[in-house]
Amino acid sequence: MHLKFSGYRDILVSLFILLVLALPFLPLPGDYMTQMEVRLHTHGDEHAFNMHTLYNVCAVMETTLAFEDPGTGEYTRIRCDN
């Protein structure tokens, strides 16, 4: 069995990618707590709930979890209060 270890370049690239992916979830200076409102509409039922989270986390979720199905009318909406 022959093992091949990654070079320093591969390790640095991996750490950089990990940092970039984790950046929106790290508490940054100037970040603040905000109220996040989540609305779900599924099978004729509408559900809503609120929670407090960091604004960066809310902004990422607002962008990535937005969903609306025109065929069924189901949707997910997230709103961040400033």
C-alpha atoms as a PDB file:
ATOM      1  CA  MET A   1       0.000   0.000   0.000  1.00  0.00           C
ATOM      2  CA  HIS A   2       1.390   3.364  -0.992  1.00  0.00           C
ATOM      3  CA  LEU A   3       0.171   6.507   0.805  1.00  0.00           C
ATOM      4  CA  LYS A   4       0.390   9.891  -0.855  1.00  0.00           C
ATOM      5  CA  PHE A   5       0.221  12.924   1.428  1.00  0.00           C
ATOM      6  CA  SER A   6      -1.172  16.231   0.198  1.00  0.00           C
ATOM      7  CA  GLY A   7       1.235  19.046  -0.261  1.00  0.00           C
ATOM      8  CA  TYR A   8       1.053  22.360   1.533  1.00  0.00           C
ATOM      9  CA  ARG A   9      -0.717  23.912  -1.433  1.00  0.00           C
ATOM     10  CA  ASP A  10      -3.598  21.414  -1.268  1.00  0.00           C
ATOM     11  CA  ILE A  11      -3.977  21.940   2.472  1.00  0.00           C
ATOM     12  CA  LEU A  12      -4.007  25.738   2.097  1.00  0.00           C
ATOM     13  CA  VAL A  13      -6.608  25.585  -0.678  1.00  0.00           C
ATOM     14  CA  SER A  14      -8.791  23.285   1.440  1.00  0.00           C
ATOM     15  CA  LEU A  15      -8.559  25.609   4.458  1.00  0.00           C
ATOM     16  CA  PHE A  16      -9.376  28.636   2.292  1.00  0.00           C
ATOM     17  CA  ILE A  17     -12.484  26.940   0.875  1.00  0.00           C
ATOM     18  CA  LEU A  18     -13.596  25.935   4.374  1.00  0.00           C
ATOM     19  CA  LEU A  19     -13.144  29.514   5.620  1.00  0.00           C
ATOM     20  CA  VAL A  20     -15.119  30.967   2.695  1.00  0.00           C
ATOM     21  CA  LEU A  21     -17.988  28.536   3.313  1.00  0.00           C
ATOM     22  CA  ALA A  22     -18.041  29.283   7.059  1.00  0.00           C
ATOM     23  CA  LEU A  23     -17.706  33.071   6.720  1.00  0.00           C
ATOM     24  CA  PRO A  24     -21.448  33.916   6.644  1.00  0.00           C
ATOM     25  CA  PHE A  25     -21.933  31.988   9.889  1.00  0.00           C
ATOM     26  CA  LEU A  26     -19.071  33.575  11.830  1.00  0.00           C
ATOM     27  CA  PRO A  27     -19.857  36.511  14.115  1.00  0.00           C
ATOM     28  CA  LEU A  28     -18.255  39.469  12.371  1.00  0.00           C
ATOM     29  CA  PRO A  29     -17.606  42.902  13.898  1.00  0.00           C
ATOM     30  CA  GLY A  30     -20.627  45.096  13.295  1.00  0.00           C
ATOM     31  CA  ASP A  31     -22.984  42.126  12.984  1.00  0.00           C
ATOM     32  CA  TYR A  32     -26.115  42.342  15.101  1.00  0.00           C
ATOM     33  CA  MET A  33     -29.038  40.264  16.262  1.00  0.00           C
ATOM     34  CA  THR A  34     -32.192  40.531  14.182  1.00  0.00           C
ATOM     35  CA  GLN A  35     -35.599  38.952  14.129  1.00  0.00           C
ATOM     36  CA  MET A  36     -36.131  36.428  11.348  1.00  0.00           C
ATOM     37  CA  GLU A  37     -39.667  35.695  10.192  1.00  0.00           C
ATOM     38  CA  VAL A  38     -40.289  32.419   8.376  1.00  0.00           C
ATOM     39  CA  ARG A  39     -43.532  31.751   6.466  1.00  0.00           C
ATOM     40  CA  LEU A  40     -44.420  28.343   5.027  1.00  0.00           C
ATOM     41  CA  HIS A  41     -47.441  27.495   2.911  1.00  0.00           C
ATOM     42  CA  THR A  42     -47.973  23.780   2.288  1.00  0.00           C
ATOM     43  CA  HIS A  43     -51.104  21.814   1.315  1.00  0.00           C
ATOM     44  CA  GLY A  44     -53.448  24.707   2.143  1.00  0.00           C
ATOM     45  CA  ASP A  45     -51.935  25.334   5.591  1.00  0.00           C
ATOM     46  CA  GLU A  46     -49.918  28.438   6.350  1.00  0.00           C
ATOM     47  CA  HIS A  47     -47.399  28.394   9.166  1.00  0.00           C
ATOM     48  CA  ALA A  48     -45.266  31.236  10.481  1.00  0.00           C
ATOM     49  CA  PHE A  49     -42.735  31.590  13.232  1.00  0.00           C
ATOM     50  CA  ASN A  50     -40.151  34.109  14.399  1.00  0.00           C
ATOM     51  CA  MET A  51     -36.706  33.664  15.846  1.00  0.00           C
ATOM     52  CA  HIS A  52     -33.684  35.785  16.741  1.00  0.00           C
ATOM     53  CA  THR A  53     -30.425  35.210  14.908  1.00  0.00           C
ATOM     54  CA  LEU A  54     -27.422  37.073  13.556  1.00  0.00           C
ATOM     55  CA  TYR A  55     -28.147  39.224  10.512  1.00  0.00           C
ATOM     56  CA  ASN A  56     -25.513  37.426   8.391  1.00  0.00           C
ATOM     57  CA  VAL A  57     -27.151  34.045   9.052  1.00  0.00           C
ATOM     58  CA  CYS A  58     -30.586  35.472   8.276  1.00  0.00           C
ATOM     59  CA  ALA A  59     -29.389  37.045   5.015  1.00  0.00           C
ATOM     60  CA  VAL A  60     -27.854  33.747   3.844  1.00  0.00           C
ATOM     61  CA  MET A  61     -31.021  31.811   4.699  1.00  0.00           C
ATOM     62  CA  GLU A  62     -33.248  34.469   3.095  1.00  0.00           C
ATOM     63  CA  THR A  63     -31.344  34.090  -0.164  1.00  0.00           C
ATOM     64  CA  THR A  64     -30.851  30.337  -0.285  1.00  0.00           C
ATOM     65  CA  LEU A  65     -34.158  29.048   1.122  1.00  0.00           C
ATOM     66  CA  ALA A  66     -36.563  31.175  -0.940  1.00  0.00           C
ATOM     67  CA  PHE A  67     -38.947  28.816  -2.738  1.00  0.00           C
ATOM     68  CA  GLU A  68     -42.235  29.115  -4.591  1.00  0.00           C
ATOM     69  CA  ASP A  69     -43.968  26.435  -6.647  1.00  0.00           C
ATOM     70  CA  PRO A  70     -46.433  28.013  -9.105  1.00  0.00           C
ATOM     71  CA  GLY A  71     -48.093  24.659  -9.755  1.00  0.00           C
ATOM     72  CA  THR A  72     -49.143  23.960  -6.178  1.00  0.00           C
ATOM     73  CA  GLY A  73     -48.912  27.443  -4.639  1.00  0.00           C
ATOM     74  CA  GLU A  74     -46.555  26.215  -1.918  1.00  0.00           C
ATOM     75  CA  TYR A  75     -43.864  28.625  -0.789  1.00  0.00           C
ATOM     76  CA  THR A  76     -41.208  29.366   1.785  1.00  0.00           C
ATOM     77  CA  ARG A  77     -40.325  32.962   2.555  1.00  0.00           C
ATOM     78  CA  ILE A  78     -37.827  34.333   5.034  1.00  0.00           C
ATOM     79  CA  ARG A  79     -37.684  37.997   6.000  1.00  0.00           C
ATOM     80  CA  CYS A  80     -35.036  39.749   8.072  1.00  0.00           C
ATOM     81  CA  ASP A  81     -36.120  42.754  10.125  1.00  0.00           C
ATOM     82  CA  ASN A  82     -33.475  45.464  10.134  1.00  0.00           C
END
